[in-house]
C-alpha cells in the first residue's frame, strides 16, 4: 500500500489532536456554548455555496431521511464537540486526548449491542484492559478515588462525549443514506447548528474579537471541514477499520501539542493509563476473531468510528 495513503488519516488525527488544545485555549476566551455554535455556523457558511445546490437535487431523499440526519447531527457534531468544550474547563488536553482514543473501542462494543455483531476476543480483553487504564487516568493514579467520586467533571464529560461519537459511528453504519457524503455532512451540520442554537441564545454569548476569532476559525474549518474531507478520503483509500487505528495516536499528539503550547506536564499516571487504553484499543482492532463462531456465509462488516 502506498505510504501516501496514510497521510490523510494521519493529518485528520493530527488536526483533531490540535483541537484538544484549542478546547483548552477557549477557556476564558469564549464560552463553550458560543464556540460550539459558531464553529458550525462558519462551516455552513463555507460549505453552502458548494453543497446546497447538490443538496437541493437530493431533496426527496432528505425529506425521507431527515430524522436520521438529525440524530446523527446531534450525536456526532452537537454532543461530541459541545461536551468537549465544556469538559475543557475542568480537565487537561492530555486527558481529553487519551479519553477520545476510546472511540474505536466503544464503537466495537456498541456494534456488538446494536448491530448484533459477535464480540471479538480482542474487543473483550481489550475492553477490560482499557477500563483499567481509564480507571487509572480518572483516579489520577489512584483508582480507589473513584469509590469516593473524586473524579473530574471534565473527564466524565469526555467519556460521555466519546460514547456519543462512538454511537454516531455505529448509527452511521446502521443507517445507509442514499446521498453524497458531502450532503450528509452538510445536513448533519445544519441540524447540529439548530440543536446548539438554544444554548447559544441562553448565553453567555461571547462577542467575537481578535482574541478568539482564530479559535473559531480553527474549529470551524480545519477541525470541521478539512478533517471530514481527509477522513472520507482515508476510508476510501485504506478502509474504515484500518483508518480507525490512527485514532490511537491522539493521546500522543495531544500530549505533545499540550506540552509545547500549554506547558502541561505529563505525569506517570498519564503514561500508564494512556498506554493501557491504547493497548486495549489496538487489541480490539487487531484481534478480531469472534468469541463464538459466525454462521456460515457471514462476515464482519467494517466499522466507521470517525
Protein backbone atom coordinates (compact mmCIF):
# COMPACT_ATOMS: atom_id res chain seq x y z
CA UNK A 1 0.00 0.00 0.00
CA UNK A 2 1.49 3.42 -0.96
CA UNK A 3 2.71 5.42 2.02
CA UNK A 4 0.84 8.47 0.69
CA UNK A 5 -2.41 6.70 1.57
CA UNK A 6 -1.51 7.05 5.25
CA UNK A 7 -1.21 10.84 5.07
CA UNK A 8 -4.98 11.64 5.07
CA UNK A 9 -5.81 9.74 8.31
CA UNK A 10 -2.60 10.97 9.91
CA UNK A 11 -3.47 14.55 9.01
CA UNK A 12 -7.04 14.20 10.29
CA UNK A 13 -5.92 12.79 13.65
CA UNK A 14 -3.24 15.49 13.98
CA UNK A 15 -5.84 18.24 13.44
CA UNK A 16 -8.24 16.57 15.91
CA UNK A 17 -5.42 16.39 18.47
CA UNK A 18 -4.71 20.08 17.94
CA UNK A 19 -8.36 20.76 18.57
CA UNK A 20 -7.96 19.32 22.07
CA UNK A 21 -5.50 22.15 22.75
CA UNK A 22 -7.87 24.62 21.11
CA UNK A 23 -10.52 23.44 23.56
CA UNK A 24 -8.21 24.41 26.40
CA UNK A 25 -7.41 27.80 24.87
CA UNK A 26 -11.12 28.61 24.64
CA UNK A 27 -11.37 28.61 28.45
CA UNK A 28 -11.66 32.24 29.46
CA UNK A 29 -11.65 33.43 25.84
CA UNK A 30 -15.05 32.28 24.62
CA UNK A 31 -17.97 30.47 26.25
CA UNK A 32 -18.36 26.77 25.32
CA UNK A 33 -21.88 27.40 24.05
CA UNK A 34 -20.62 30.19 21.79
CA UNK A 35 -17.76 28.36 20.08
CA UNK A 36 -19.78 25.13 19.78
CA UNK A 37 -22.45 27.06 17.87
CA UNK A 38 -20.27 29.49 15.90
CA UNK A 39 -17.94 26.80 14.53
CA UNK A 40 -20.82 25.13 12.72
CA UNK A 41 -22.24 28.44 11.56
CA UNK A 42 -18.85 29.13 9.98
CA UNK A 43 -18.66 25.63 8.47
CA UNK A 44 -22.13 26.03 6.97
CA UNK A 45 -21.22 29.45 5.55
CA UNK A 46 -18.17 27.93 3.82
CA UNK A 47 -19.98 24.83 2.55
CA UNK A 48 -23.29 26.36 1.44
CA UNK A 49 -22.20 27.79 -1.94
CA UNK A 50 -20.75 24.41 -2.95
CA UNK A 51 -23.06 21.87 -1.31
CA UNK A 52 -26.52 23.50 -1.22
CA UNK A 53 -27.17 23.06 -4.98
CA UNK A 54 -26.28 19.37 -4.69
CA UNK A 55 -28.45 19.02 -1.57
CA UNK A 56 -31.39 20.57 -3.43
CA UNK A 57 -31.13 17.88 -6.11
CA UNK A 58 -31.41 15.25 -3.36
CA UNK A 59 -34.32 16.93 -1.56
CA UNK A 60 -36.58 13.87 -1.85
CA UNK A 61 -34.02 11.65 -0.12
CA UNK A 62 -33.51 14.36 2.52
CA UNK A 63 -37.27 14.58 3.12
CA UNK A 64 -37.42 10.81 3.76
CA UNK A 65 -34.33 10.57 5.92
CA UNK A 66 -34.16 13.86 7.84
CA UNK A 67 -34.89 12.24 11.26
CA UNK A 68 -31.81 10.05 10.86
CA UNK A 69 -29.72 13.05 9.79
CA UNK A 70 -30.98 14.94 12.85
CA UNK A 71 -29.93 12.16 15.24
CA UNK A 72 -26.52 11.89 13.57
CA UNK A 73 -26.05 15.65 13.78
CA UNK A 74 -26.95 15.60 17.47
CA UNK A 75 -24.58 12.76 18.36
CA UNK A 76 -21.62 13.36 16.07
CA UNK A 77 -21.46 17.14 15.96
CA UNK A 78 -23.52 18.82 18.67
CA UNK A 79 -22.84 16.43 21.60
CA UNK A 80 -19.32 15.28 20.70
CA UNK A 81 -17.73 18.70 20.42
CA UNK A 82 -20.21 20.59 22.59
CA UNK A 83 -19.40 18.39 25.59
CA UNK A 84 -15.68 18.59 24.81
CA UNK A 85 -15.72 22.40 25.09
CA UNK A 86 -17.43 22.17 28.49
CA UNK A 87 -15.04 19.40 29.59
CA UNK A 88 -12.03 21.59 28.77
CA UNK A 89 -12.91 23.85 31.69
CA UNK A 90 -12.17 21.13 34.26
CA UNK A 91 -9.71 18.72 32.64
CA UNK A 92 -6.49 18.80 30.63
CA UNK A 93 -5.87 18.44 26.90
CA UNK A 94 -3.77 15.35 27.66
CA UNK A 95 -6.67 13.66 29.47
CA UNK A 96 -9.05 14.65 26.68
CA UNK A 97 -6.80 13.09 24.06
CA UNK A 98 -6.49 9.83 25.98
CA UNK A 99 -10.23 9.56 26.60
CA UNK A 100 -11.04 10.46 22.98
CA UNK A 101 -8.90 7.48 21.93
CA UNK A 102 -11.59 5.24 23.44
CA UNK A 103 -13.87 5.95 20.45
CA UNK A 104 -12.77 2.93 18.33
CA UNK A 105 -13.09 0.58 21.29
CA UNK A 106 -16.51 1.94 22.26
CA UNK A 107 -17.55 1.57 18.63
CA UNK A 108 -16.69 -2.12 18.74
CA UNK A 109 -18.66 -2.62 21.98
CA UNK A 110 -21.72 -0.67 20.79
CA UNK A 111 -21.67 -2.54 17.49
CA UNK A 112 -21.98 -5.79 19.41
CA UNK A 113 -25.05 -4.44 21.22
CA UNK A 114 -26.79 -2.55 18.41
CA UNK A 115 -25.64 -4.25 15.20
CA UNK A 116 -25.60 -7.71 16.81
CA UNK A 117 -22.02 -8.26 15.75
CA UNK A 118 -20.37 -11.07 17.68
CA UNK A 119 -17.91 -9.70 20.28
CA UNK A 120 -14.34 -10.43 19.35
CA UNK A 121 -11.61 -11.80 21.56
CA UNK A 122 -9.72 -8.52 21.24
CA UNK A 123 -12.82 -6.47 21.92
CA UNK A 124 -13.49 -8.31 25.17
CA UNK A 125 -9.92 -8.43 26.50
CA UNK A 126 -9.11 -5.00 25.13
CA UNK A 127 -12.21 -3.55 26.77
CA UNK A 128 -11.17 -4.86 30.16
CA UNK A 129 -7.62 -3.56 29.70
CA UNK A 130 -8.84 -0.13 28.58
CA UNK A 131 -11.23 0.00 31.55
CA UNK A 132 -8.27 -0.42 33.90
CA UNK A 133 -6.43 2.34 32.05
CA UNK A 134 -9.38 4.73 32.21
CA UNK A 135 -9.81 4.00 35.92
CA UNK A 136 -6.15 4.82 36.48
CA UNK A 137 -6.50 8.04 34.49
CA UNK A 138 -9.76 9.22 36.06
CA UNK A 139 -8.44 8.44 39.52
CA UNK A 140 -5.23 10.38 38.78
CA UNK A 141 -3.12 7.37 39.58
CA UNK A 142 -5.32 6.04 42.38
CA UNK A 143 -8.35 4.10 41.06
CA UNK A 144 -9.63 3.84 44.66
CA UNK A 145 -10.55 7.53 44.46
CA UNK A 146 -13.35 6.53 42.07
CA UNK A 147 -15.13 4.97 45.05
CA UNK A 148 -15.17 8.40 46.70
CA UNK A 149 -16.37 10.01 43.45
CA UNK A 150 -13.16 12.08 43.30
CA UNK A 151 -13.31 12.33 39.53
CA UNK A 152 -13.02 15.46 37.43
CA UNK A 153 -16.31 16.51 35.85
CA UNK A 154 -14.42 17.21 32.64
CA UNK A 155 -13.14 13.64 32.47
CA UNK A 156 -16.65 12.27 32.92
CA UNK A 157 -17.97 14.59 30.21
CA UNK A 158 -15.27 13.37 27.83
CA UNK A 159 -16.32 9.77 28.48
CA UNK A 160 -19.90 10.74 27.60
CA UNK A 161 -18.68 12.66 24.54
CA UNK A 162 -16.62 9.68 23.32
CA UNK A 163 -19.64 7.42 23.81
CA UNK A 164 -21.79 9.79 21.74
CA UNK A 165 -19.26 9.78 18.91
CA UNK A 166 -18.93 6.01 19.02
CA UNK A 167 -22.72 5.70 18.86
CA UNK A 168 -22.66 8.13 15.94
CA UNK A 169 -20.32 5.82 14.03
CA UNK A 170 -22.49 2.78 14.75
CA UNK A 171 -25.70 4.51 13.67
CA UNK A 172 -23.99 5.82 10.54
CA UNK A 173 -23.20 2.18 9.73
CA UNK A 174 -26.74 1.04 10.54
CA UNK A 175 -28.44 3.78 8.51
CA UNK A 176 -27.11 3.81 4.93
CA UNK A 177 -28.06 7.18 3.44
CA UNK A 178 -28.63 7.39 -0.31
CA UNK A 179 -27.00 10.77 -0.89
CA UNK A 180 -23.43 12.06 -1.43
CA UNK A 181 -21.15 12.20 1.65
CA UNK A 182 -20.78 15.98 1.49
CA UNK A 183 -24.57 16.37 1.52
CA UNK A 184 -24.76 14.07 4.56
CA UNK A 185 -22.12 16.20 6.29
CA UNK A 186 -23.88 19.44 5.34
CA UNK A 187 -27.27 18.32 6.67
CA UNK A 188 -25.76 17.00 9.89
CA UNK A 189 -24.00 20.33 10.40
CA UNK A 190 -27.29 22.16 9.80
CA UNK A 191 -29.11 20.07 12.40
CA UNK A 192 -26.21 20.43 14.87
CA UNK A 193 -26.47 24.21 14.48
CA UNK A 194 -30.17 24.06 15.30
CA UNK A 195 -29.57 21.89 18.37
CA UNK A 196 -26.84 24.24 19.62
CA UNK A 197 -28.83 27.43 18.99
CA UNK A 198 -30.82 27.40 22.29
CA UNK A 199 -27.63 27.08 24.36
CA UNK A 200 -26.06 29.91 22.40
CA UNK A 201 -29.07 32.19 22.89
CA UNK A 202 -29.30 31.41 26.61
CA UNK A 203 -25.69 32.52 26.87
CA UNK A 204 -23.37 33.74 27.85
CA UNK A 205 -22.94 34.95 24.25
CA UNK A 206 -19.27 35.85 23.96
CA UNK A 207 -18.63 38.53 21.32
CA UNK A 208 -16.19 37.62 18.56
CA UNK A 209 -12.95 39.60 18.89
CA UNK A 210 -9.29 39.37 17.89
CA UNK A 211 -8.63 37.14 20.92
CA UNK A 212 -11.00 34.34 19.97
CA UNK A 213 -11.69 34.67 16.24
CA UNK A 214 -8.77 32.40 15.33
CA UNK A 215 -10.08 29.73 17.74
CA UNK A 216 -13.40 29.78 15.87
CA UNK A 217 -11.63 29.69 12.51
CA UNK A 218 -9.59 26.62 13.52
CA UNK A 219 -12.63 24.82 14.96
CA UNK A 220 -14.88 25.71 12.01
CA UNK A 221 -12.58 24.99 9.05
CA UNK A 222 -9.64 22.63 9.81
CA UNK A 223 -11.36 20.73 12.65
CA UNK A 224 -14.77 20.52 10.93
CA UNK A 225 -14.36 20.65 7.15
CA UNK A 226 -10.78 19.62 6.37
CA UNK A 227 -10.78 16.67 8.78
CA UNK A 228 -14.03 15.39 7.28
CA UNK A 229 -12.53 15.53 3.78
CA UNK A 230 -9.35 13.78 4.93
CA UNK A 231 -11.27 11.11 6.85
CA UNK A 232 -13.58 10.33 3.94
CA UNK A 233 -10.53 10.04 1.68
CA UNK A 234 -8.80 7.78 4.20
CA UNK A 235 -11.78 5.44 4.42
CA UNK A 236 -11.97 5.31 0.61
CA UNK A 237 -8.24 4.50 0.27
CA UNK A 238 -7.47 2.16 3.18
CA UNK A 239 -10.85 1.26 4.69
CA UNK A 240 -12.66 2.29 7.86
CA UNK A 241 -11.12 -0.31 10.17
CA UNK A 242 -7.56 0.49 9.15
CA UNK A 243 -8.19 4.24 9.30
CA UNK A 244 -9.62 3.99 12.83
CA UNK A 245 -6.32 2.61 14.12
CA UNK A 246 -4.79 6.06 13.57
CA UNK A 247 -7.09 7.44 16.30
CA UNK A 248 -4.78 5.59 18.70
CA UNK A 249 -2.22 8.33 18.04
CA UNK A 250 -4.43 11.05 19.52
CA UNK A 251 -3.11 10.75 23.09
CA UNK A 252 0.48 11.07 21.84
CA UNK A 253 -0.25 14.05 19.59
CA UNK A 254 -2.50 15.73 22.18
CA UNK A 255 0.13 15.40 24.92
CA UNK A 256 2.95 16.72 22.71
CA UNK A 257 0.92 19.70 21.50
CA UNK A 258 -0.29 20.48 25.04
CA UNK A 259 3.27 20.33 26.35
CA UNK A 260 4.51 22.66 23.60
CA UNK A 261 1.70 25.23 23.66
CA UNK A 262 0.12 24.96 27.11
CA UNK A 263 3.05 23.87 29.25
CA UNK A 264 1.13 20.86 30.55
CA UNK A 265 3.16 18.29 32.46
CA UNK A 266 2.70 14.60 31.76
CA UNK A 267 2.55 12.54 34.97
CA UNK A 268 3.33 8.87 35.37
CA UNK A 269 -0.37 8.00 35.61
CA UNK A 270 -0.93 9.70 32.24
CA UNK A 271 1.67 7.41 30.66
CA UNK A 272 0.41 4.29 32.41
CA UNK A 273 -3.29 4.97 31.86
CA UNK A 274 -2.76 6.07 28.27
CA UNK A 275 -0.66 3.01 27.49
CA UNK A 276 -3.34 0.67 28.86
CA UNK A 277 -6.11 2.44 26.92
CA UNK A 278 -4.10 2.33 23.70
CA UNK A 279 -3.18 -1.31 24.24
CA UNK A 280 -6.85 -2.14 24.74
CA UNK A 281 -7.92 -0.22 21.66
CA UNK A 282 -5.23 -1.82 19.47
CA UNK A 283 -6.13 -5.25 20.81
CA UNK A 284 -9.79 -4.66 19.94
CA UNK A 285 -8.84 -3.57 16.42
CA UNK A 286 -6.41 -6.37 15.64
CA UNK A 287 -7.67 -9.49 17.45
CA UNK A 288 -10.94 -9.73 15.52
CA UNK A 289 -11.60 -13.45 15.95
CA UNK A 290 -15.16 -13.73 17.37
CA UNK A 291 -15.73 -15.38 20.74
CA UNK A 292 -18.39 -17.54 19.13
CA UNK A 293 -18.26 -18.91 15.57
CA UNK A 294 -20.15 -16.93 12.94
CA UNK A 295 -22.81 -18.67 10.89
CA UNK A 296 -21.53 -19.87 7.54
CA UNK A 297 -21.63 -17.25 4.83
CA UNK A 298 -21.49 -14.22 7.13
CA UNK A 299 -18.68 -11.75 7.66
CA UNK A 300 -17.89 -8.88 9.98
CA UNK A 301 -18.58 -5.52 8.34
CA UNK A 302 -16.14 -2.65 8.60
CA UNK A 303 -16.83 -0.10 11.26
CA UNK A 304 -16.74 3.67 10.70
CA UNK A 305 -15.82 5.29 14.07
CA UNK A 306 -14.76 8.59 12.54
